[in-house]
N, C-alpha and C. Protein backbone atom coordinates (compact mmCIF):
# COMPACT_ATOMS: atom_id res chain seq x y z
N MET A 1 -10.39 5.43 9.12
CA MET A 1 -10.17 5.31 10.19
C MET A 1 -8.09 6.18 10.41
N LYS A 2 -8.77 6.43 11.72
CA LYS A 2 -7.12 6.80 12.32
C LYS A 2 -5.33 6.73 11.92
N PRO A 3 -4.78 7.32 11.75
CA PRO A 3 -2.83 6.45 11.72
C PRO A 3 -2.83 5.70 13.00
N THR A 4 -3.52 6.70 14.49
CA THR A 4 -3.18 5.72 15.63
C THR A 4 -3.57 4.37 15.72
N ALA A 5 -5.08 4.59 15.26
CA ALA A 5 -5.90 3.37 15.37
C ALA A 5 -5.05 2.47 13.98
N PHE A 6 -5.31 3.01 13.04
CA PHE A 6 -4.23 1.66 12.38
C PHE A 6 -2.88 1.48 12.68
N LEU A 7 -2.23 1.90 13.10
CA LEU A 7 -1.68 1.25 14.00
C LEU A 7 -1.32 1.07 15.11
N ALA A 8 -1.95 0.70 15.87
CA ALA A 8 -2.77 -0.54 16.61
C ALA A 8 -3.50 -1.58 16.29
N ALA A 9 -3.96 -1.61 14.36
CA ALA A 9 -4.18 -2.40 14.25
C ALA A 9 -3.53 -2.95 13.63
N ILE A 10 -2.88 -3.16 13.02
CA ILE A 10 -2.37 -3.87 13.14
C ILE A 10 -0.34 -4.05 13.58
N THR A 11 -0.28 -3.64 14.21
CA THR A 11 -0.13 -3.96 15.67
C THR A 11 -0.79 -5.44 16.01
N GLY A 12 -1.83 -5.05 16.25
CA GLY A 12 -2.45 -6.44 17.19
C GLY A 12 -2.29 -7.39 16.18
N LEU A 13 -2.77 -7.32 14.67
CA LEU A 13 -2.16 -8.12 13.81
C LEU A 13 -1.07 -9.02 13.70
N VAL A 14 -0.40 -8.25 14.25
CA VAL A 14 0.63 -8.33 13.59
C VAL A 14 0.62 -9.77 14.52
N LEU A 15 1.35 -9.13 16.26
CA LEU A 15 1.87 -10.07 17.53
C LEU A 15 0.27 -10.45 18.00
N VAL A 16 -1.19 -10.03 17.52
CA VAL A 16 -1.87 -11.39 17.95
C VAL A 16 -1.96 -12.22 17.11
N GLN A 17 -1.84 -11.48 15.48
CA GLN A 17 -3.25 -13.32 15.48
C GLN A 17 -1.37 -14.78 14.73
N PRO A 18 -0.41 -14.09 15.15
CA PRO A 18 -0.12 -16.08 15.02
C PRO A 18 -0.34 -16.81 16.46
N ALA A 19 -0.06 -16.49 17.74
CA ALA A 19 -0.57 -16.17 18.94
C ALA A 19 -1.65 -17.26 18.36
N VAL A 20 -2.52 -16.24 18.63
CA VAL A 20 -3.93 -16.40 17.96
C VAL A 20 -4.29 -18.41 16.88
N ALA A 21 -3.52 -18.75 16.15
CA ALA A 21 -3.32 -19.57 14.98
C ALA A 21 -2.22 -20.13 15.03
N GLY A 22 -1.72 -20.66 16.43
CA GLY A 22 -0.85 -21.62 17.16
C GLY A 22 0.56 -21.23 16.83
N ASP A 23 0.50 -20.57 16.39
CA ASP A 23 2.44 -19.95 15.55
C ASP A 23 3.24 -19.97 16.78
N SER A 24 4.35 -20.99 16.11
CA SER A 24 4.91 -20.87 17.76
C SER A 24 6.35 -20.30 17.48
N GLU A 25 6.24 -19.86 16.59
CA GLU A 25 7.59 -18.69 15.60
C GLU A 25 7.74 -18.22 15.28
N ILE A 26 8.43 -16.78 15.55
CA ILE A 26 8.07 -15.02 15.25
C ILE A 26 8.48 -15.32 13.46
N THR A 27 8.19 -14.08 13.00
CA THR A 27 7.86 -14.68 11.01
C THR A 27 8.72 -13.37 10.88
N VAL A 28 10.24 -13.36 10.24
CA VAL A 28 10.10 -12.68 9.56
C VAL A 28 11.30 -12.95 8.60
N ILE A 29 10.91 -11.63 7.12
CA ILE A 29 11.51 -12.25 6.55
C ILE A 29 12.24 -10.60 5.66
N PRO A 30 13.99 -11.58 5.83
CA PRO A 30 14.74 -9.49 5.66
C PRO A 30 14.09 -9.10 4.30
N ALA A 31 14.55 -8.12 4.62
CA ALA A 31 14.25 -7.31 3.16
C ALA A 31 14.75 -7.56 1.85
N THR A 32 15.88 -8.48 2.15
CA THR A 32 17.03 -8.93 0.61
C THR A 32 15.98 -10.25 0.23
N GLN A 33 15.14 -10.81 1.49
CA GLN A 33 14.51 -11.92 1.15
C GLN A 33 13.07 -11.93 0.58
N LEU A 34 12.93 -10.26 0.65
CA LEU A 34 11.42 -10.46 0.45
C LEU A 34 10.61 -9.84 -1.43
N ASP A 35 10.18 -11.06 -2.04
CA ASP A 35 9.43 -12.22 -2.89
C ASP A 35 8.52 -11.06 -3.53
N TYR A 36 9.63 -9.79 -4.70
CA TYR A 36 9.21 -9.01 -5.72
C TYR A 36 8.51 -9.55 -6.79
N GLN A 37 6.81 -10.02 -7.45
CA GLN A 37 6.14 -9.98 -8.48
C GLN A 37 5.59 -8.40 -8.51
N VAL A 38 6.32 -8.20 -10.04
CA VAL A 38 6.52 -7.35 -10.44
C VAL A 38 5.11 -7.40 -11.77
N THR A 39 4.09 -6.23 -11.44
CA THR A 39 2.96 -6.63 -12.38
C THR A 39 3.83 -5.75 -13.83
N PRO A 40 3.23 -5.50 -15.32
CA PRO A 40 3.39 -5.46 -15.94
C PRO A 40 2.95 -4.49 -16.51
N GLU A 41 2.50 -3.00 -15.80
CA GLU A 41 2.51 -1.63 -14.77
C GLU A 41 4.42 -1.36 -14.22
N GLY A 42 4.73 -2.08 -14.17
CA GLY A 42 5.91 -2.26 -13.45
C GLY A 42 5.68 -1.88 -11.63
N VAL A 43 5.15 -2.12 -11.10
CA VAL A 43 4.88 -2.13 -9.90
C VAL A 43 4.88 -3.55 -9.60
N ALA A 44 6.30 -3.42 -8.18
CA ALA A 44 5.92 -5.40 -7.78
C ALA A 44 4.83 -5.14 -6.49
N PHE A 45 4.57 -6.37 -6.16
CA PHE A 45 4.38 -6.35 -4.40
C PHE A 45 5.15 -7.57 -3.93
N ALA A 46 5.78 -7.91 -2.62
CA ALA A 46 6.28 -8.30 -2.37
C ALA A 46 5.02 -9.23 -0.51
N ARG A 47 4.48 -10.02 -1.02
CA ARG A 47 3.74 -10.39 0.25
C ARG A 47 4.07 -10.48 1.29
N LEU A 48 3.55 -10.43 2.87
CA LEU A 48 3.42 -10.04 3.46
C LEU A 48 3.15 -11.20 4.26
N ARG A 49 1.26 -11.50 4.55
CA ARG A 49 0.38 -12.12 4.96
C ARG A 49 -0.67 -12.18 4.13
N GLY A 50 -1.72 -13.27 3.49
CA GLY A 50 -2.59 -13.42 3.11
C GLY A 50 -2.75 -12.54 1.71
N ASP A 51 -3.47 -12.87 0.99
CA ASP A 51 -3.14 -13.15 -0.61
C ASP A 51 -3.92 -12.26 -1.42
N ARG A 52 -3.58 -11.30 -2.21
CA ARG A 52 -4.10 -10.16 -2.72
C ARG A 52 -5.39 -10.22 -3.03
N PHE A 53 -5.34 -11.31 -3.84
CA PHE A 53 -6.70 -11.19 -4.84
C PHE A 53 -7.56 -12.31 -4.00
N GLU A 54 -7.06 -13.14 -2.59
CA GLU A 54 -8.15 -13.63 -2.41
C GLU A 54 -8.90 -12.44 -0.99
N GLY A 55 -8.07 -11.87 -0.39
CA GLY A 55 -8.72 -11.23 0.19
C GLY A 55 -8.02 -10.10 1.59
N ALA A 56 -7.91 -9.74 2.34
CA ALA A 56 -7.20 -8.55 3.04
C ALA A 56 -6.27 -8.61 3.50
N TYR A 57 -4.63 -8.34 2.75
CA TYR A 57 -3.82 -8.58 2.96
C TYR A 57 -2.68 -7.61 3.11
N MET A 58 -0.98 -8.10 3.74
CA MET A 58 -0.39 -6.75 3.69
C MET A 58 0.47 -6.72 2.48
N ALA A 59 1.48 -6.29 2.31
CA ALA A 59 2.96 -6.45 1.18
C ALA A 59 3.88 -5.21 1.76
N MET A 60 4.46 -5.73 0.87
CA MET A 60 5.53 -4.34 -0.34
C MET A 60 5.17 -4.12 -0.63
N VAL A 61 5.51 -2.43 -0.98
CA VAL A 61 5.04 -2.78 -2.86
C VAL A 61 5.81 -1.39 -3.84
N ARG A 62 6.99 -1.83 -4.16
CA ARG A 62 7.09 -0.54 -4.97
C ARG A 62 7.25 -0.51 -6.37
N LEU A 63 7.23 1.27 -6.46
CA LEU A 63 6.63 2.06 -7.53
C LEU A 63 7.67 2.29 -8.43
N PRO A 64 7.81 2.13 -9.58
CA PRO A 64 8.42 3.07 -10.59
C PRO A 64 8.61 4.87 -10.12
N ALA A 65 10.33 5.13 -10.32
CA ALA A 65 10.02 6.87 -9.66
C ALA A 65 10.14 7.42 -10.91
N GLY A 66 8.96 8.06 -10.48
CA GLY A 66 8.01 9.41 -11.52
C GLY A 66 7.26 8.38 -12.30
N LEU A 67 6.27 7.40 -11.45
CA LEU A 67 5.54 6.88 -12.19
C LEU A 67 3.88 6.94 -11.66
N VAL A 68 2.76 7.24 -12.55
CA VAL A 68 1.88 7.26 -11.90
C VAL A 68 0.75 7.10 -12.80
N SER A 69 -0.58 6.90 -11.44
CA SER A 69 -0.94 6.17 -11.74
C SER A 69 -2.60 6.33 -12.71
N PRO A 70 -2.48 5.64 -13.44
CA PRO A 70 -4.40 6.53 -14.01
C PRO A 70 -4.95 6.57 -13.34
N PRO A 71 -6.26 7.69 -13.45
CA PRO A 71 -7.41 7.35 -12.27
C PRO A 71 -8.30 5.88 -11.96
N HIS A 72 -8.15 5.25 -10.63
CA HIS A 72 -9.27 4.67 -10.42
C HIS A 72 -9.27 3.93 -9.46
N VAL A 73 -10.16 3.51 -9.06
CA VAL A 73 -11.31 3.31 -7.80
C VAL A 73 -11.32 2.01 -7.48
N LYS A 74 -10.57 1.80 -6.26
CA LYS A 74 -10.37 -0.22 -5.52
C LYS A 74 -11.38 -0.33 -4.15
N SER A 75 -12.00 -1.42 -4.65
CA SER A 75 -12.79 -2.15 -3.54
C SER A 75 -12.95 -2.20 -2.24
N ALA A 76 -12.13 -2.13 -1.92
CA ALA A 76 -11.63 -2.15 -0.50
C ALA A 76 -10.49 -0.34 0.30
N ASN A 77 -10.70 -0.62 1.28
CA ASN A 77 -9.88 0.53 1.76
C ASN A 77 -8.70 0.01 1.80
N MET A 78 -7.66 1.22 2.05
CA MET A 78 -5.58 1.79 0.86
C MET A 78 -5.72 1.90 2.40
N TYR A 79 -4.59 1.21 3.06
CA TYR A 79 -4.26 1.49 4.29
C TYR A 79 -2.35 1.49 4.04
N GLY A 80 -1.46 3.30 3.68
CA GLY A 80 -0.23 2.62 3.99
C GLY A 80 0.96 2.95 4.97
N ILE A 81 2.11 3.86 4.75
CA ILE A 81 3.58 3.95 5.57
C ILE A 81 4.54 3.48 4.55
N VAL A 82 4.77 5.01 4.02
CA VAL A 82 5.96 5.03 3.40
C VAL A 82 7.40 4.53 4.00
N VAL A 83 8.09 4.25 2.97
CA VAL A 83 8.98 2.97 3.51
C VAL A 83 10.70 4.11 3.49
N SER A 84 10.37 4.63 1.35
CA SER A 84 11.15 4.68 1.10
C SER A 84 10.90 5.71 -0.57
N GLY A 85 11.56 6.84 -0.48
CA GLY A 85 10.74 7.70 -1.80
C GLY A 85 9.72 8.97 -1.40
N ALA A 86 9.26 9.59 -1.95
CA ALA A 86 8.24 9.81 -2.06
C ALA A 86 6.92 9.85 -2.62
N MET A 87 5.48 9.84 -2.46
CA MET A 87 4.45 9.92 -3.41
C MET A 87 3.50 10.87 -3.30
N THR A 88 2.71 10.61 -4.16
CA THR A 88 1.21 11.40 -3.76
C THR A 88 -0.18 10.45 -3.39
N HIS A 89 -0.98 11.21 -3.35
CA HIS A 89 -2.18 10.43 -3.43
C HIS A 89 -3.96 11.30 -3.50
N GLN A 90 -4.24 11.28 -5.27
CA GLN A 90 -5.14 12.38 -4.85
C GLN A 90 -6.10 12.46 -5.16
N PRO A 91 -7.42 13.08 -5.34
CA PRO A 91 -7.93 12.65 -5.89
C PRO A 91 -8.07 12.41 -7.47
N ALA A 92 -9.11 11.78 -7.90
CA ALA A 92 -9.21 11.76 -9.69
C ALA A 92 -9.50 13.86 -10.03
N GLY A 93 -8.76 14.05 -10.56
CA GLY A 93 -9.39 15.28 -11.20
C GLY A 93 -8.12 16.12 -10.93
N ALA A 94 -7.82 16.20 -9.22
CA ALA A 94 -7.21 17.19 -8.09
C ALA A 94 -5.59 17.86 -9.26
N ASP A 95 -5.65 18.79 -8.75
CA ASP A 95 -4.41 19.45 -9.74
C ASP A 95 -2.84 18.99 -8.90
N PRO A 96 -2.24 18.11 -9.78
CA PRO A 96 -1.60 17.75 -9.61
C PRO A 96 -0.36 18.33 -8.25
N SER A 97 0.18 19.85 -7.93
CA SER A 97 0.72 19.91 -7.63
C SER A 97 -0.08 20.81 -6.35
N GLY A 98 -0.90 20.00 -6.46
CA GLY A 98 -1.60 20.49 -4.91
C GLY A 98 -1.50 19.14 -3.96
N GLY A 99 -0.96 17.87 -4.43
CA GLY A 99 -0.54 16.77 -2.76
C GLY A 99 1.19 16.53 -2.87
N VAL A 100 0.14 17.11 -1.69
CA VAL A 100 0.77 16.62 0.13
C VAL A 100 2.17 15.95 -0.77
N ARG A 101 3.53 15.86 -0.06
CA ARG A 101 4.32 14.93 -0.60
C ARG A 101 4.82 13.68 0.71
N LEU A 102 4.08 13.37 0.58
CA LEU A 102 4.57 12.30 1.84
C LEU A 102 5.85 11.57 1.14
N GLU A 103 6.62 11.41 2.64
CA GLU A 103 8.13 11.49 2.76
C GLU A 103 7.62 9.99 3.49
N THR A 104 9.50 9.67 3.86
CA THR A 104 9.89 8.43 4.78
C THR A 104 8.65 8.22 6.12
N GLY A 105 8.61 7.53 6.37
CA GLY A 105 7.76 7.58 7.84
C GLY A 105 6.18 7.95 7.41
N ALA A 106 5.10 9.05 6.39
CA ALA A 106 4.01 9.30 6.13
C ALA A 106 3.28 8.41 6.09
N PHE A 107 1.48 8.36 6.91
CA PHE A 107 1.03 7.46 6.76
C PHE A 107 -0.57 8.15 5.35
N TYR A 108 -0.95 7.76 4.57
CA TYR A 108 -2.26 7.25 3.43
C TYR A 108 -3.25 6.51 3.93
N GLU A 109 -4.50 7.28 3.74
CA GLU A 109 -4.84 6.36 3.88
C GLU A 109 -6.10 6.67 2.51
N VAL A 110 -6.34 5.67 1.57
CA VAL A 110 -7.89 5.81 0.41
C VAL A 110 -8.42 5.33 0.94
N PRO A 111 -10.01 6.12 0.33
CA PRO A 111 -11.02 5.35 1.29
C PRO A 111 -11.48 4.51 -0.39
N LYS A 112 -12.64 3.16 -0.74
CA LYS A 112 -12.16 2.45 -1.04
C LYS A 112 -14.18 3.03 -2.01
N GLY A 113 -13.30 3.02 -3.76
CA GLY A 113 -14.26 3.30 -3.79
C GLY A 113 -13.89 4.88 -4.13
N LEU A 114 -13.26 6.00 -3.57
CA LEU A 114 -13.01 6.99 -3.95
C LEU A 114 -12.02 7.15 -5.61
N ALA A 115 -11.62 7.63 -6.48
CA ALA A 115 -11.65 7.40 -7.71
C ALA A 115 -9.76 8.50 -7.14
N HIS A 116 -8.43 7.95 -7.28
CA HIS A 116 -7.68 8.81 -7.14
C HIS A 116 -6.46 8.81 -7.97
N VAL A 117 -5.59 9.35 -7.58
CA VAL A 117 -4.40 9.72 -9.16
C VAL A 117 -3.25 8.74 -7.40
N SER A 118 -2.46 8.02 -7.71
CA SER A 118 -1.67 7.92 -7.31
C SER A 118 0.24 7.83 -8.13
N ARG A 119 1.20 8.62 -7.33
CA ARG A 119 2.14 9.18 -8.55
C ARG A 119 3.53 8.89 -7.18
N CYS A 120 4.15 8.60 -7.44
CA CYS A 120 6.27 8.26 -7.08
C CYS A 120 6.43 9.09 -7.95
N VAL A 121 6.08 10.48 -6.42
CA VAL A 121 7.63 11.95 -7.27
C VAL A 121 8.64 11.78 -6.93
N SER A 122 9.13 10.88 -6.53
CA SER A 122 10.83 10.68 -5.81
C SER A 122 11.53 10.39 -7.82
N ASP A 123 13.04 10.57 -7.11
CA ASP A 123 13.87 10.07 -8.90
C ASP A 123 14.44 8.96 -7.98
N VAL A 124 13.94 8.86 -7.02
CA VAL A 124 13.64 6.60 -7.07
C VAL A 124 12.58 5.96 -6.59
N ALA A 125 12.64 4.17 -6.47
CA ALA A 125 11.56 4.86 -6.74
C ALA A 125 11.02 4.60 -5.20
N CYS A 126 9.16 4.39 -5.02
CA CYS A 126 8.81 3.99 -4.27
C CYS A 126 8.81 3.45 -3.35
N VAL A 127 8.77 3.39 -2.00
CA VAL A 127 8.58 1.74 -1.17
C VAL A 127 7.70 1.96 0.27
N THR A 128 6.10 1.30 -0.59
CA THR A 128 5.50 1.27 0.87
C THR A 128 5.02 0.07 1.37
N PHE A 129 4.41 0.02 2.37
CA PHE A 129 3.96 -0.81 3.06
C PHE A 129 2.57 -0.84 2.83
N LEU A 130 2.08 -1.48 3.14
CA LEU A 130 0.38 -1.56 2.21
C LEU A 130 -0.53 -2.09 3.07
N TYR A 131 -1.39 -2.10 3.41
CA TYR A 131 -2.63 -3.06 4.09
C TYR A 131 -4.05 -1.98 3.12
N GLN A 132 -4.60 -3.32 2.46
CA GLN A 132 -6.04 -3.15 2.69
C GLN A 132 -7.16 -4.52 3.58
N ASP A 133 -7.66 -3.34 2.83
CA ASP A 133 -8.89 -4.60 4.00
C ASP A 133 -9.77 -5.57 2.80
N GLY A 134 -9.55 -6.00 2.06
CA GLY A 134 -10.24 -6.24 1.04
C GLY A 134 -9.18 -7.37 -0.13
N ARG A 135 -9.86 -7.47 -1.10
CA ARG A 135 -9.21 -8.41 -2.05
C ARG A 135 -8.30 -7.06 -2.93
N PHE A 136 -7.46 -6.93 -3.53
CA PHE A 136 -7.08 -5.69 -4.46
C PHE A 136 -7.50 -6.14 -5.35
N ASP A 137 -8.38 -5.14 -6.42
CA ASP A 137 -8.53 -4.62 -7.68
C ASP A 137 -7.50 -3.44 -7.73
N PHE A 138 -8.10 -3.07 -9.13
CA PHE A 138 -7.27 -2.05 -10.37
C PHE A 138 -8.74 -1.24 -10.98
N LEU A 139 -9.66 -1.00 -10.36
CA LEU A 139 -10.43 -0.63 -11.23
C LEU A 139 -10.86 1.13 -12.06
N PRO A 140 -9.77 1.58 -13.53
CA PRO A 140 -9.72 2.10 -13.74
C PRO A 140 -11.52 3.20 -14.24
N VAL A 141 -10.59 4.39 -14.11
CA VAL A 141 -12.13 5.49 -13.79
C VAL A 141 -11.70 6.25 -15.15
N LYS A 142 -13.05 7.42 -15.75
CA LYS A 142 -12.61 8.43 -16.48
C LYS A 142 -12.33 9.49 -15.35
N PRO A 143 -11.63 10.57 -15.96
CA PRO A 143 -10.97 11.75 -15.04
C PRO A 143 -12.11 12.26 -15.11
């Protein structure tokens, strides 16, 4: 999915879904009220819509500065927009120095089944808006 198609899909989901569901109020969550749940690895997820363990979801995700994930795959496509910090996402085994530095406003897509490594390469935590079109999983692979 191209970035413009992704943004159109997200906009449509956010703008149309509440009307279809019969909601009569605008949903807002100020940044100070995001409810981050921290994993044992230090990655924090704040649910926006959906349940990441049940199916498609949207979340704000915060990775500690310097975090490097082990090589892994996901069973769902992952789409993100960097909100703060700087990240790289590369296929497993790629030279880390060759990664494209993604800073505020950058878009990324990691296809399901692609073994990859995600890095927070900034001196501050990396925060992203994340959408996955299926449930969350993290399946380690050998490099």
